[in-house]
């Protein structure tokens, strides 16, 4: 092959390679270059994908919104509408057997208004001679008692200020010296005033709701024993033994449903006496127990201090009413061992249409005067007031319950109970009469069931009111 032939062959190969490259370039350009129709199709396809994603997001938002509304609204509806409506529908009528209290003497603390006054009026109508201990409104209460009283002895209204131990002692001394007979003692005074110190240096809610009644009962106990059969009734409240279940922040310790809906469960906390927290063992009832490591009680009780820096009025009131229920049970235990015919009971009359809540006073923030907030407050306040009037019990309803617990023969030998008409009706309930309306122990706070904790509460309370904790019978007296 000559030089010309080789050159011709090389040029042919080069031409073929160039043609191949051109074809590849043309194919690549064809692939990159799209028609308007293809571009339109791709744009529509992309829009459809974006639309599908948007619809999916909207669907997710919709269901998330539904779930959030259910999680928030269901507990609100159940707690504030369905449960009150259910309780209202199933609430038994307060039907009691009319007692004959002729010749009996009764003392009612805080008896010049509200529940105390209506209880006193029912007792007076039943023949009892009633003595009221009041801070105010004494003349009006005395006039109403005289109009309905069927007792031979005239009713009386004496001054009694539960935020002063001196006033309590004066009332007890006057009663013992002037009358000397007592068959029914109703410890009714209650106050939501809290987080301040009384003249005796004790937190106000704890003294007014519990300690002063503890002192008064002990001072009048010899008179009650001498007049037996006799009855002591301690007025408690739902806040003293139940609270809404805590769920969200405590991983549902009371169950998911209870925690979510905030259903009421027995209080698990202990009783606080100032800086001292009584410890208890929920699994046993014994005569020994220990406090927390920093508060171990030895032969002498620790010094009780009242630090109000972290005091919350609602918690202070609840703690005081829990102490009332514990005191009622501890008192019954002591009375039962003495076999002297005196019984101690507690009753929760539940929320009633009285002015009690207003006594605590309400503090308004500057934000409450902002027009939208003020208008919303008025609107929802009006609705709330109407619902409150529809679902709350009448004062007469509560007073009948107190009268039943104070006078029923069926409860004479079954002391230590807590009675609540949300349990059953107080009469003809299908149970033994002594257990109609009685709250079972499974619904009582564990600290109330611990005998050692009750004993320690008694000891601390005795020291705070300067009462000898070792006193028994007629030797029981306050020391200064």
Protein backbone atom coordinates (compact mmCIF):
# COMPACT_ATOMS: atom_id res chain seq x y z
CA UNK A 1 0.00 0.00 0.00
CA UNK A 2 1.40 3.25 -1.07
CA UNK A 3 1.59 6.46 0.86
CA UNK A 4 -1.46 7.83 -0.90
CA UNK A 5 -3.54 4.80 -0.02
CA UNK A 6 -2.58 4.97 3.64
CA UNK A 7 -3.43 8.65 3.79
CA UNK A 8 -6.78 7.99 2.14
CA UNK A 9 -7.55 5.25 4.63
CA UNK A 10 -6.62 7.45 7.60
CA UNK A 11 -8.78 10.29 6.31
CA UNK A 12 -11.69 7.84 5.99
CA UNK A 13 -11.36 6.73 9.60
CA UNK A 14 -11.07 10.31 10.75
CA UNK A 15 -14.22 11.18 8.84
CA UNK A 16 -16.08 8.23 10.36
CA UNK A 17 -15.01 9.29 13.88
CA UNK A 18 -16.13 12.82 13.19
CA UNK A 19 -19.49 11.64 11.86
CA UNK A 20 -19.91 9.50 14.99
CA UNK A 21 -19.13 12.43 17.21
CA UNK A 22 -21.56 14.62 15.30
CA UNK A 23 -24.29 12.04 15.64
CA UNK A 24 -23.70 11.76 19.39
CA UNK A 25 -23.75 15.54 19.72
CA UNK A 26 -26.97 15.75 17.70
CA UNK A 27 -28.54 13.05 19.89
CA UNK A 28 -27.41 14.84 23.03
CA UNK A 29 -28.76 18.15 21.73
CA UNK A 30 -32.02 16.44 20.86
CA UNK A 31 -32.30 15.09 24.33
CA UNK A 32 -31.64 18.52 25.86
CA UNK A 33 -33.83 20.31 23.46
CA UNK A 34 -37.49 19.65 24.29
CA UNK A 35 -40.58 20.72 22.57
CA UNK A 36 -43.08 23.12 24.10
CA UNK A 37 -45.51 20.24 24.48
CA UNK A 38 -43.05 18.19 26.48
CA UNK A 39 -42.21 21.18 28.69
CA UNK A 40 -45.90 21.82 29.29
CA UNK A 41 -46.41 18.20 30.24
CA UNK A 42 -43.54 18.30 32.69
CA UNK A 43 -44.83 21.55 34.22
CA UNK A 44 -48.31 20.06 34.69
CA UNK A 45 -46.82 16.95 36.21
CA UNK A 46 -44.79 19.03 38.65
CA UNK A 47 -47.83 21.11 39.56
CA UNK A 48 -49.83 17.96 40.20
CA UNK A 49 -47.10 16.65 42.49
CA UNK A 50 -46.99 19.95 44.38
CA UNK A 51 -50.79 19.97 44.64
CA UNK A 52 -50.78 16.44 46.03
CA UNK A 53 -48.15 17.44 48.61
CA UNK A 54 -50.18 20.53 49.55
CA UNK A 55 -53.36 18.47 49.92
CA UNK A 56 -51.49 15.97 52.06
CA UNK A 57 -50.20 18.77 54.29
CA UNK A 58 -53.71 20.20 54.62
CA UNK A 59 -55.07 16.77 55.50
CA UNK A 60 -52.37 16.36 58.12
CA UNK A 61 -53.12 19.81 59.54
CA UNK A 62 -56.83 18.97 59.60
CA UNK A 63 -56.34 15.75 61.57
CA UNK A 64 -53.77 17.34 63.88
CA UNK A 65 -56.28 20.10 64.57
CA UNK A 66 -59.00 17.54 65.28
CA UNK A 67 -56.74 15.57 67.63
CA UNK A 68 -55.69 18.73 69.48
CA UNK A 69 -59.29 19.85 69.83
CA UNK A 70 -60.29 16.44 71.16
CA UNK A 71 -57.41 16.36 73.64
CA UNK A 72 -58.27 19.85 74.89
CA UNK A 73 -62.04 20.08 74.56
CA UNK A 74 -63.03 16.61 75.79
CA UNK A 75 -61.52 17.11 79.28
CA UNK A 76 -63.10 20.58 79.44
CA UNK A 77 -66.52 19.29 78.42
CA UNK A 78 -66.28 16.28 80.72
CA UNK A 79 -65.00 18.25 83.70
CA UNK A 80 -67.15 21.36 83.44
CA UNK A 81 -70.29 20.11 81.70
CA UNK A 82 -70.83 16.35 81.56
CA UNK A 83 -69.61 15.48 85.06
CA UNK A 84 -71.60 18.28 86.78
CA UNK A 85 -74.64 17.34 84.67
CA UNK A 86 -74.24 13.68 85.59
CA UNK A 87 -73.82 14.54 89.26
CA UNK A 88 -76.88 16.80 89.11
CA UNK A 89 -79.03 14.11 87.47
CA UNK A 90 -77.87 11.31 89.80
CA UNK A 91 -77.76 13.47 92.94
CA UNK A 92 -80.08 11.90 95.53
CA UNK A 93 -82.70 14.03 97.16
CA UNK A 94 -81.71 14.95 100.70
CA UNK A 95 -84.44 13.08 102.52
CA UNK A 96 -83.81 12.48 106.22
CA UNK A 97 -85.81 11.25 109.15
CA UNK A 98 -86.93 14.24 111.23
CA UNK A 99 -85.23 13.88 114.62
CA UNK A 100 -86.68 14.73 118.02
CA UNK A 101 -84.07 16.83 119.80
CA UNK A 102 -86.24 17.98 122.69
CA UNK A 103 -84.23 18.61 125.82
CA UNK A 104 -80.91 18.51 123.94
CA UNK A 105 -78.25 21.20 123.84
CA UNK A 106 -76.24 22.02 120.72
CA UNK A 107 -73.36 24.31 119.81
CA UNK A 108 -72.77 25.43 116.22
CA UNK A 109 -69.69 27.45 115.35
CA UNK A 110 -70.06 30.01 112.57
CA UNK A 111 -73.81 29.71 112.92
CA UNK A 112 -74.83 33.25 112.08
CA UNK A 113 -74.93 32.78 108.31
CA UNK A 114 -74.86 30.20 105.55
CA UNK A 115 -74.70 26.50 106.39
CA UNK A 116 -74.22 27.04 110.11
CA UNK A 117 -77.33 29.20 110.49
CA UNK A 118 -79.55 26.84 108.49
CA UNK A 119 -78.27 23.88 110.51
CA UNK A 120 -79.01 25.73 113.74
CA UNK A 121 -82.52 26.59 112.52
CA UNK A 122 -83.26 22.94 111.73
CA UNK A 123 -82.01 21.90 115.16
CA UNK A 124 -84.10 24.57 116.85
CA UNK A 125 -87.17 23.42 114.91
CA UNK A 126 -86.47 19.88 116.11
CA UNK A 127 -86.52 21.00 119.75
CA UNK A 128 -82.84 21.55 120.55
CA UNK A 129 -81.61 24.57 122.46
CA UNK A 130 -78.89 26.00 120.24
CA UNK A 131 -75.94 28.20 121.12
CA UNK A 132 -74.17 29.86 118.23
CA UNK A 133 -70.59 31.05 118.18
CA UNK A 134 -70.22 33.90 115.69
CA UNK A 135 -67.99 36.76 114.73
CA UNK A 136 -70.81 38.96 113.39
CA UNK A 137 -74.52 39.13 112.43
CA UNK A 138 -75.42 37.85 115.88
CA UNK A 139 -78.64 39.86 116.41
CA UNK A 140 -80.24 38.81 113.13
CA UNK A 141 -79.33 35.16 113.72
CA UNK A 142 -80.74 35.27 117.26
CA UNK A 143 -84.04 36.71 116.03
CA UNK A 144 -84.41 33.97 113.42
CA UNK A 145 -83.63 31.27 115.98
CA UNK A 146 -86.21 32.60 118.44
CA UNK A 147 -88.91 32.56 115.75
CA UNK A 148 -88.52 28.85 115.01
CA UNK A 149 -87.22 27.46 118.30
CA UNK A 150 -89.37 24.83 119.99
CA UNK A 151 -87.04 24.37 122.95
CA UNK A 152 -87.90 25.48 126.45
CA UNK A 153 -84.46 27.03 126.89
CA UNK A 154 -83.85 30.15 124.87
CA UNK A 155 -81.22 30.05 122.10
CA UNK A 156 -78.10 32.14 122.50
CA UNK A 157 -75.51 33.77 120.27
CA UNK A 158 -72.08 34.41 121.75
CA UNK A 159 -68.97 35.98 120.25
CA UNK A 160 -66.43 33.51 118.92
CA UNK A 161 -63.42 34.39 116.79
CA UNK A 162 -61.64 31.31 115.51
CA UNK A 163 -58.47 33.21 114.67
CA UNK A 164 -57.89 33.77 118.39
CA UNK A 165 -57.25 30.97 120.88
CA UNK A 166 -58.18 33.35 123.72
CA UNK A 167 -61.62 33.83 122.17
CA UNK A 168 -62.07 30.06 121.86
CA UNK A 169 -61.11 29.54 125.50
CA UNK A 170 -63.45 32.31 126.63
CA UNK A 171 -66.36 30.78 124.67
CA UNK A 172 -65.72 27.30 126.12
CA UNK A 173 -65.40 28.59 129.68
CA UNK A 174 -68.58 30.63 129.37
CA UNK A 175 -70.50 27.67 128.00
CA UNK A 176 -69.33 25.26 130.69
CA UNK A 177 -70.12 27.74 133.47
CA UNK A 178 -73.45 28.99 132.07
CA UNK A 179 -74.97 25.82 130.58
CA UNK A 180 -72.81 22.82 131.43
CA UNK A 181 -74.66 20.32 129.21
CA UNK A 182 -73.86 19.55 125.59
CA UNK A 183 -75.19 16.83 123.30
CA UNK A 184 -74.23 18.06 119.81
CA UNK A 185 -71.15 20.04 118.77
CA UNK A 186 -70.98 21.13 115.11
CA UNK A 187 -67.56 22.44 114.11
CA UNK A 188 -68.78 24.40 111.11
CA UNK A 189 -66.61 27.51 110.76
CA UNK A 190 -64.67 27.56 107.52
CA UNK A 191 -62.63 30.25 105.86
CA UNK A 192 -60.61 30.47 102.68
CA UNK A 193 -58.62 33.36 104.12
CA UNK A 194 -55.06 32.06 104.06
CA UNK A 195 -51.34 32.78 103.93
CA UNK A 196 -51.28 35.29 106.79
CA UNK A 197 -50.44 34.90 110.47
CA UNK A 198 -53.00 35.23 113.23
CA UNK A 199 -52.35 36.95 116.54
CA UNK A 200 -51.27 33.54 117.84
CA UNK A 201 -48.55 33.35 115.18
CA UNK A 202 -50.16 30.53 113.17
CA UNK A 203 -51.15 30.43 109.50
CA UNK A 204 -54.74 31.69 109.35
CA UNK A 205 -56.38 28.89 107.33
CA UNK A 206 -54.85 26.18 109.51
CA UNK A 207 -55.95 27.88 112.74
CA UNK A 208 -59.46 28.94 111.72
CA UNK A 209 -60.45 25.75 109.91
CA UNK A 210 -58.71 23.22 112.14
CA UNK A 211 -56.68 24.20 115.21
CA UNK A 212 -59.37 26.33 116.90
CA UNK A 213 -61.89 23.53 116.42
CA UNK A 214 -59.35 21.09 117.85
CA UNK A 215 -59.00 23.30 120.92
CA UNK A 216 -62.73 23.97 121.33
CA UNK A 217 -63.60 20.27 121.02
CA UNK A 218 -61.06 19.26 123.63
CA UNK A 219 -62.21 21.96 126.03
CA UNK A 220 -65.85 20.88 125.67
CA UNK A 221 -65.11 17.15 125.59
CA UNK A 222 -65.61 16.58 129.33
CA UNK A 223 -69.04 18.24 129.04
CA UNK A 224 -69.93 16.08 126.05
CA UNK A 225 -68.89 12.94 127.91
CA UNK A 226 -70.93 13.91 130.94
CA UNK A 227 -73.96 14.49 128.66
CA UNK A 228 -73.61 11.30 126.60
CA UNK A 229 -74.87 10.04 124.28
CA UNK A 230 -73.39 12.95 122.36
CA UNK A 231 -72.19 13.70 118.86
CA UNK A 232 -69.37 15.76 117.33
CA UNK A 233 -69.73 16.75 113.65
CA UNK A 234 -66.78 18.22 111.77
CA UNK A 235 -67.71 19.99 108.53
CA UNK A 236 -65.16 19.18 105.84
CA UNK A 237 -65.13 19.77 102.07
CA UNK A 238 -64.22 17.93 98.90
CA UNK A 239 -60.91 19.79 98.65
CA UNK A 240 -59.95 18.15 101.93
CA UNK A 241 -59.85 14.62 100.60
CA UNK A 242 -60.08 14.65 96.79
CA UNK A 243 -58.17 16.40 94.02
CA UNK A 244 -58.01 16.19 90.25
CA UNK A 245 -55.73 13.40 89.03
CA UNK A 246 -52.38 14.61 87.79
CA UNK A 247 -51.56 13.09 84.45
CA UNK A 248 -49.59 15.12 81.95
CA UNK A 249 -46.57 16.01 84.07
CA UNK A 250 -46.43 12.81 86.11
CA UNK A 251 -46.76 10.17 83.36
CA UNK A 252 -50.32 9.33 84.39
CA UNK A 253 -49.65 7.87 87.87
CA UNK A 254 -53.42 7.50 88.35
CA UNK A 255 -54.10 6.06 84.93
CA UNK A 256 -54.28 7.65 81.49
CA UNK A 257 -58.03 8.26 81.54
CA UNK A 258 -58.05 9.81 85.01
CA UNK A 259 -55.02 11.95 84.25
CA UNK A 260 -56.39 13.11 80.90
CA UNK A 261 -59.85 13.98 82.20
CA UNK A 262 -58.66 15.23 85.58
CA UNK A 263 -61.01 12.87 87.43
CA UNK A 264 -61.04 13.21 91.23
CA UNK A 265 -58.83 10.84 93.21
CA UNK A 266 -57.94 10.66 96.94
CA UNK A 267 -55.27 13.11 98.05
CA UNK A 268 -51.91 11.35 98.28
CA UNK A 269 -50.04 14.18 99.97
CA UNK A 270 -49.47 14.38 103.70
CA UNK A 271 -50.64 16.94 106.24
CA UNK A 272 -48.37 19.94 106.69
CA UNK A 273 -48.16 21.48 110.15
CA UNK A 274 -46.14 24.56 109.38
CA UNK A 275 -42.64 23.40 108.47
CA UNK A 276 -43.33 19.81 109.52
CA UNK A 277 -44.68 17.23 107.12
CA UNK A 278 -46.25 14.18 108.72
CA UNK A 279 -45.04 11.01 107.04
CA UNK A 280 -47.24 7.97 106.63
CA UNK A 281 -47.17 4.49 105.21
CA UNK A 282 -50.03 3.91 102.80
CA UNK A 283 -49.62 0.13 103.05
CA UNK A 284 -50.17 -0.22 106.77
CA UNK A 285 -51.85 1.14 109.86
CA UNK A 286 -49.41 1.01 112.71
CA UNK A 287 -48.32 2.85 115.79
CA UNK A 288 -44.87 3.71 114.47
CA UNK A 289 -43.76 5.77 111.56
CA UNK A 290 -40.94 8.02 110.46
CA UNK A 291 -40.79 11.49 109.05
CA UNK A 292 -38.54 12.58 106.25
CA UNK A 293 -34.86 12.43 107.14
CA UNK A 294 -34.68 16.15 107.88
CA UNK A 295 -37.74 16.04 110.11
CA UNK A 296 -37.37 12.95 112.30
CA UNK A 297 -39.59 13.21 115.35
CA UNK A 298 -38.00 12.17 118.60
CA UNK A 299 -39.52 12.21 122.07
CA UNK A 300 -40.16 15.93 121.76
CA UNK A 301 -41.80 17.31 118.66
CA UNK A 302 -39.81 19.61 116.40
CA UNK A 303 -40.32 23.36 116.43
CA UNK A 304 -43.05 24.33 114.00
CA UNK A 305 -42.26 27.34 111.84
CA UNK A 306 -44.71 29.15 109.59
CA UNK A 307 -42.95 30.31 106.43
CA UNK A 308 -45.45 32.05 104.15
CA UNK A 309 -43.09 32.79 101.25
CA UNK A 310 -44.39 29.87 99.17
CA UNK A 311 -47.86 29.74 100.65
CA UNK A 312 -50.76 29.25 98.24
CA UNK A 313 -54.26 29.95 99.52
CA UNK A 314 -55.91 26.97 97.83
CA UNK A 315 -53.27 24.54 99.10
CA UNK A 316 -53.39 26.00 102.62
CA UNK A 317 -57.19 25.65 102.73
CA UNK A 318 -57.08 22.08 101.39
CA UNK A 319 -54.39 21.14 103.90
CA UNK A 320 -56.44 22.53 106.80
CA UNK A 321 -59.56 20.61 105.73
CA UNK A 322 -57.50 17.44 105.36
CA UNK A 323 -56.38 17.96 108.95
CA UNK A 324 -60.07 18.30 109.97
CA UNK A 325 -60.89 14.88 108.49
CA UNK A 326 -57.82 13.35 110.14
CA UNK A 327 -58.78 14.95 113.47
CA UNK A 328 -62.32 13.59 113.26
CA UNK A 329 -60.99 10.07 112.75
CA UNK A 330 -58.33 10.38 115.47
CA UNK A 331 -60.92 11.75 117.90
CA UNK A 332 -63.26 8.84 117.20
CA UNK A 333 -60.44 6.39 117.90
CA UNK A 334 -59.89 7.95 121.32
CA UNK A 335 -63.59 8.15 122.08
CA UNK A 336 -64.15 4.53 121.08
CA UNK A 337 -61.45 3.34 123.46
CA UNK A 338 -63.07 5.20 126.37
CA UNK A 339 -66.59 3.76 125.73
CA UNK A 340 -68.27 6.93 126.95
CA UNK A 341 -71.04 7.32 124.35
CA UNK A 342 -69.58 10.17 122.27
CA UNK A 343 -69.20 9.70 118.51
CA UNK A 344 -67.23 11.81 116.02
CA UNK A 345 -68.11 12.14 112.34
CA UNK A 346 -67.16 14.37 109.41
CA UNK A 347 -69.37 15.49 106.54
CA UNK A 348 -68.74 17.03 103.17
CA UNK A 349 -71.86 19.08 102.33
CA UNK A 350 -70.40 19.86 98.88
CA UNK A 351 -70.63 23.20 97.08
CA UNK A 352 -73.68 25.22 98.06
CA UNK A 353 -75.20 28.54 97.07
CA UNK A 354 -73.78 30.59 99.89
CA UNK A 355 -71.55 33.65 100.11
CA UNK A 356 -68.71 31.51 101.49
CA UNK A 357 -66.44 31.81 98.44
CA UNK A 358 -66.80 35.58 98.41
CA UNK A 359 -65.44 35.78 101.95
CA UNK A 360 -61.97 35.01 100.68
CA UNK A 361 -61.87 38.16 98.55
CA UNK A 362 -60.58 38.32 95.03
CA UNK A 363 -57.54 40.23 93.83
CA UNK A 364 -57.70 41.65 90.33
CA UNK A 365 -54.67 42.35 88.20
CA UNK A 366 -54.33 45.50 86.09
CA UNK A 367 -54.86 43.32 83.01
CA UNK A 368 -58.42 42.59 84.14
CA UNK A 369 -59.36 46.19 83.34
CA UNK A 370 -58.19 45.87 79.73
CA UNK A 371 -61.48 46.15 77.70
CA UNK A 372 -61.33 42.77 75.88
CA UNK A 373 -60.36 40.97 79.10
CA UNK A 374 -63.02 42.83 81.09
CA UNK A 375 -65.74 42.00 78.53
CA UNK A 376 -64.71 38.33 78.37
CA UNK A 377 -64.69 38.18 82.15
CA UNK A 378 -68.21 39.58 82.35
CA UNK A 379 -69.56 37.24 79.67
CA UNK A 380 -67.98 34.05 81.02
CA UNK A 381 -68.65 35.18 84.58
CA UNK A 382 -72.37 35.45 83.75
CA UNK A 383 -72.39 32.00 82.12
CA UNK A 384 -70.39 30.50 84.97
CA UNK A 385 -72.72 32.00 87.55
CA UNK A 386 -75.76 30.51 85.83
CA UNK A 387 -74.11 27.09 85.64
CA UNK A 388 -73.09 27.40 89.28
CA UNK A 389 -76.65 28.15 90.33
CA UNK A 390 -77.91 25.20 88.32
CA UNK A 391 -75.48 22.62 89.68
CA UNK A 392 -74.82 23.74 93.26
CA UNK A 393 -76.83 22.46 96.19
CA UNK A 394 -79.09 24.67 98.22
CA UNK A 395 -78.02 25.58 101.75
CA UNK A 396 -81.05 23.70 103.06
CA UNK A 397 -79.79 20.57 101.28
CA UNK A 398 -76.43 20.80 103.05
CA UNK A 399 -77.96 21.67 106.42
CA UNK A 400 -80.19 18.58 106.31
CA UNK A 401 -77.11 16.45 105.75
CA UNK A 402 -75.37 17.97 108.77
CA UNK A 403 -78.48 17.49 110.89
CA UNK A 404 -78.70 13.83 109.84
CA UNK A 405 -75.07 13.12 110.77
CA UNK A 406 -75.52 15.00 114.06
CA UNK A 407 -78.69 13.24 115.17
CA UNK A 408 -79.27 9.90 113.40
CA UNK A 409 -79.49 7.00 115.83
CA UNK A 410 -78.00 4.74 113.16
CA UNK A 411 -74.67 6.60 113.40
CA UNK A 412 -74.48 6.48 117.17
CA UNK A 413 -72.10 3.51 117.36
CA UNK A 414 -70.31 3.82 114.03
CA UNK A 415 -68.14 6.91 114.45
CA UNK A 416 -65.16 7.98 112.43
CA UNK A 417 -67.02 8.24 109.15
CA UNK A 418 -66.90 10.82 106.40
CA UNK A 419 -70.32 11.37 104.80
CA UNK A 420 -70.92 12.71 101.31
CA UNK A 421 -74.16 12.55 99.33
CA UNK A 422 -72.23 11.88 96.13
CA UNK A 423 -71.63 8.41 97.56
CA UNK A 424 -75.29 7.46 98.18
CA UNK A 425 -78.37 9.02 99.71
CA UNK A 426 -78.22 9.41 103.50
CA UNK A 427 -81.30 7.26 104.11
CA UNK A 428 -82.82 4.20 102.48
CA UNK A 429 -79.83 3.62 100.21
CA UNK A 430 -79.97 -0.17 100.13
CA UNK A 431 -77.12 -0.50 102.61
CA UNK A 432 -76.97 -0.70 106.36
CA UNK A 433 -78.26 2.71 107.63
CA UNK A 434 -74.88 3.48 109.20
CA UNK A 435 -73.20 3.24 105.78
CA UNK A 436 -75.65 5.29 103.73
CA UNK A 437 -73.64 8.18 102.33
CA UNK A 438 -70.46 7.01 104.04
CA UNK A 439 -67.30 7.38 101.97
CA UNK A 440 -65.41 4.05 101.78
CA UNK A 441 -61.86 3.93 103.10
CA UNK A 442 -60.52 3.33 99.60
CA UNK A 443 -61.51 6.94 98.79
CA UNK A 444 -59.89 8.43 101.89
CA UNK A 445 -56.38 9.94 101.80
CA UNK A 446 -53.76 7.43 103.03
CA UNK A 447 -52.53 9.79 105.75
CA UNK A 448 -56.00 9.70 107.35
CA UNK A 449 -55.73 5.92 107.66
CA UNK A 450 -52.30 5.88 109.34
CA UNK A 451 -52.81 5.68 113.11
CA UNK A 452 -49.28 6.84 113.85
CA UNK A 453 -49.63 9.92 111.65
CA UNK A 454 -52.91 10.76 113.39
CA UNK A 455 -51.24 10.38 116.76
CA UNK A 456 -48.43 12.71 115.75
CA UNK A 457 -50.90 15.27 114.38
CA UNK A 458 -52.71 15.19 117.72
CA UNK A 459 -49.44 15.73 119.59
CA UNK A 460 -48.34 18.65 117.41
CA UNK A 461 -51.79 20.24 117.56
CA UNK A 462 -51.89 19.94 121.35
CA UNK A 463 -48.58 21.74 121.64
CA UNK A 464 -49.64 24.50 119.25
CA UNK A 465 -52.84 25.25 121.21
CA UNK A 466 -51.03 24.68 124.52
CA UNK A 467 -53.14 21.72 125.48
CA UNK A 468 -51.68 18.81 127.42
CA UNK A 469 -51.71 15.90 124.93
CA UNK A 470 -51.78 13.42 127.81
CA UNK A 471 -55.03 14.78 129.26
CA UNK A 472 -58.02 12.48 129.50
CA UNK A 473 -61.59 13.06 130.58
CA UNK A 474 -62.25 15.77 133.15
CA UNK A 475 -58.52 16.47 133.58
CA UNK A 476 -58.33 17.89 130.04
CA UNK A 477 -57.75 21.61 130.12
CA UNK A 478 -55.73 24.27 128.34
CA UNK A 479 -52.60 25.52 130.00
CA UNK A 480 -51.01 28.90 129.52
